[in-house]
Every structure is written in C-alpha cells, then in structure tokens.
Amino acid sequence: MKIILEWEDQFSHWKRYTLMNHQPSAVRSAKRRATSTGKRHRLVDESGRLLDLIDP
C-alpha cells in the first residue's frame, strides 16, 4: 500500500510532502514533522482516502 504524506499550508490547502510504502514509519515521520513545523499533516492512501490526521 502506498501512503502519501501531506501538510496543510496557511491557506488550508494540502501540499504533498512524500510517498511512503510502510504505514508505521509514515505515521512516525508525520508526527515528527508536525511537531517540528507546527503544521497539520495527514496520511492518505493512493486512492485519496484519509488514513490519519495529525495535529502538532
């Protein structure tokens, strides 16, 4: 399963950050990045379904 990591900009638009194949490492990466940048991140699958939403 391919997991796309996206972040939300100041205008509430979702920008693609990276594509990962392993869900646990994608979650860890999103949590770390959300904490360091202070922005919301989300994980979606290849068909666009929301898997996880991470607030800083």
N, C-alpha and C. Protein backbone atom coordinates (compact mmCIF):
# COMPACT_ATOMS: atom_id res chain seq x y z
N MET A 1 0.83 -1.17 0.00
CA MET A 1 0.00 0.00 0.00
C MET A 1 0.88 1.24 0.00
N LYS A 2 0.58 2.18 -0.86
CA LYS A 2 1.33 3.43 -0.91
C LYS A 2 0.62 4.48 -0.08
N ILE A 3 1.38 5.19 0.74
CA ILE A 3 0.83 6.19 1.63
C ILE A 3 1.45 7.53 1.29
N ILE A 4 0.61 8.52 1.09
CA ILE A 4 1.06 9.86 0.73
C ILE A 4 0.98 10.73 1.99
N LEU A 5 2.07 11.40 2.29
CA LEU A 5 2.15 12.30 3.43
C LEU A 5 1.98 13.71 2.91
N GLU A 6 0.98 14.43 3.44
CA GLU A 6 0.68 15.79 3.01
C GLU A 6 0.67 16.72 4.21
N TRP A 7 0.90 18.01 3.98
CA TRP A 7 0.84 19.01 5.03
C TRP A 7 -0.07 20.14 4.59
N GLU A 8 -0.65 20.84 5.57
CA GLU A 8 -1.60 21.91 5.30
C GLU A 8 -0.90 23.26 5.40
N ASP A 9 -1.02 24.06 4.33
CA ASP A 9 -0.38 25.38 4.35
C ASP A 9 -1.28 26.41 5.04
N GLN A 10 -0.84 27.65 5.06
CA GLN A 10 -1.56 28.70 5.79
C GLN A 10 -2.90 29.05 5.16
N PHE A 11 -3.13 28.64 3.91
CA PHE A 11 -4.39 28.92 3.22
C PHE A 11 -5.32 27.71 3.23
N SER A 12 -5.04 26.73 4.06
CA SER A 12 -5.81 25.49 4.20
C SER A 12 -5.81 24.63 2.95
N HIS A 13 -4.73 24.69 2.17
CA HIS A 13 -4.54 23.81 1.03
C HIS A 13 -3.56 22.71 1.43
N TRP A 14 -3.84 21.50 0.97
CA TRP A 14 -2.97 20.37 1.30
C TRP A 14 -1.89 20.23 0.24
N LYS A 15 -0.65 20.19 0.67
CA LYS A 15 0.51 20.06 -0.21
C LYS A 15 1.16 18.70 0.01
N ARG A 16 1.54 18.05 -1.06
CA ARG A 16 2.16 16.73 -0.95
C ARG A 16 3.61 16.88 -0.47
N TYR A 17 3.97 16.05 0.49
CA TYR A 17 5.34 16.06 1.01
C TYR A 17 6.12 14.87 0.48
N THR A 18 5.62 13.66 0.66
CA THR A 18 6.35 12.48 0.22
C THR A 18 5.41 11.28 0.08
N LEU A 19 5.94 10.23 -0.52
CA LEU A 19 5.22 8.97 -0.68
C LEU A 19 6.02 7.89 0.04
N MET A 20 5.32 7.09 0.86
CA MET A 20 5.98 6.03 1.61
C MET A 20 5.22 4.73 1.41
N ASN A 21 5.89 3.61 1.65
CA ASN A 21 5.29 2.29 1.48
C ASN A 21 4.97 1.59 2.79
N HIS A 22 5.50 2.07 3.88
CA HIS A 22 5.34 1.42 5.17
C HIS A 22 4.56 2.35 6.10
N GLN A 23 3.36 1.95 6.49
CA GLN A 23 2.48 2.83 7.26
C GLN A 23 3.03 3.23 8.62
N PRO A 24 3.59 2.33 9.43
CA PRO A 24 4.12 2.78 10.73
C PRO A 24 5.23 3.83 10.62
N SER A 25 6.10 3.70 9.65
CA SER A 25 7.14 4.71 9.50
C SER A 25 6.57 6.01 8.95
N ALA A 26 5.51 5.94 8.16
CA ALA A 26 4.86 7.15 7.65
C ALA A 26 4.21 7.92 8.79
N VAL A 27 3.60 7.20 9.73
CA VAL A 27 2.98 7.84 10.89
C VAL A 27 4.04 8.50 11.76
N ARG A 28 5.13 7.80 12.00
CA ARG A 28 6.23 8.37 12.80
C ARG A 28 6.79 9.62 12.14
N SER A 29 7.00 9.56 10.84
CA SER A 29 7.54 10.70 10.10
C SER A 29 6.59 11.89 10.15
N ALA A 30 5.30 11.64 9.99
CA ALA A 30 4.31 12.72 10.03
C ALA A 30 4.23 13.35 11.41
N LYS A 31 4.28 12.54 12.47
CA LYS A 31 4.24 13.07 13.83
C LYS A 31 5.46 13.94 14.12
N ARG A 32 6.63 13.44 13.73
CA ARG A 32 7.87 14.20 13.93
C ARG A 32 7.83 15.53 13.18
N ARG A 33 7.39 15.48 11.93
CA ARG A 33 7.36 16.68 11.09
C ARG A 33 6.30 17.67 11.58
N ALA A 34 5.15 17.18 12.03
CA ALA A 34 4.11 18.06 12.55
C ALA A 34 4.59 18.79 13.79
N THR A 35 5.30 18.08 14.64
CA THR A 35 5.83 18.70 15.85
C THR A 35 6.89 19.75 15.52
N SER A 36 7.76 19.46 14.58
CA SER A 36 8.85 20.38 14.28
C SER A 36 8.39 21.60 13.47
N THR A 37 7.39 21.43 12.60
CA THR A 37 6.95 22.56 11.77
C THR A 37 5.76 23.30 12.36
N GLY A 38 4.99 22.64 13.24
CA GLY A 38 3.82 23.28 13.82
C GLY A 38 2.63 23.31 12.88
N LYS A 39 2.64 22.47 11.84
CA LYS A 39 1.55 22.42 10.86
C LYS A 39 0.87 21.05 10.89
N ARG A 40 -0.40 21.03 10.47
CA ARG A 40 -1.13 19.77 10.42
C ARG A 40 -0.64 18.92 9.26
N HIS A 41 -0.62 17.62 9.48
CA HIS A 41 -0.23 16.67 8.46
C HIS A 41 -1.31 15.60 8.35
N ARG A 42 -1.41 14.98 7.20
CA ARG A 42 -2.36 13.89 7.03
C ARG A 42 -1.75 12.79 6.18
N LEU A 43 -2.26 11.59 6.40
CA LEU A 43 -1.85 10.43 5.61
C LEU A 43 -3.05 10.00 4.78
N VAL A 44 -2.85 9.88 3.47
CA VAL A 44 -3.89 9.40 2.57
C VAL A 44 -3.33 8.24 1.76
N ASP A 45 -4.22 7.34 1.35
CA ASP A 45 -3.75 6.23 0.51
C ASP A 45 -3.78 6.66 -0.95
N GLU A 46 -3.41 5.76 -1.84
CA GLU A 46 -3.26 6.09 -3.25
C GLU A 46 -4.58 6.47 -3.93
N SER A 47 -5.71 6.07 -3.36
CA SER A 47 -7.00 6.45 -3.94
C SER A 47 -7.58 7.70 -3.29
N GLY A 48 -6.85 8.31 -2.35
CA GLY A 48 -7.26 9.57 -1.76
C GLY A 48 -8.05 9.46 -0.46
N ARG A 49 -8.17 8.26 0.09
CA ARG A 49 -8.89 8.08 1.36
C ARG A 49 -8.02 8.48 2.53
N LEU A 50 -8.60 9.19 3.46
CA LEU A 50 -7.88 9.65 4.65
C LEU A 50 -7.60 8.49 5.58
N LEU A 51 -6.34 8.34 5.98
CA LEU A 51 -5.94 7.30 6.92
C LEU A 51 -5.71 7.86 8.31
N ASP A 52 -5.08 9.03 8.38
CA ASP A 52 -4.77 9.62 9.68
C ASP A 52 -4.58 11.12 9.52
N LEU A 53 -4.98 11.87 10.54
CA LEU A 53 -4.81 13.31 10.58
C LEU A 53 -4.04 13.64 11.84
N ILE A 54 -2.94 14.36 11.71
CA ILE A 54 -2.04 14.61 12.84
C ILE A 54 -1.93 16.11 13.08
N ASP A 55 -2.31 16.52 14.28
CA ASP A 55 -2.18 17.91 14.70
C ASP A 55 -0.90 18.06 15.51
N PRO A 56 -0.25 19.21 15.39
CA PRO A 56 1.01 19.40 16.14
C PRO A 56 0.78 19.54 17.63
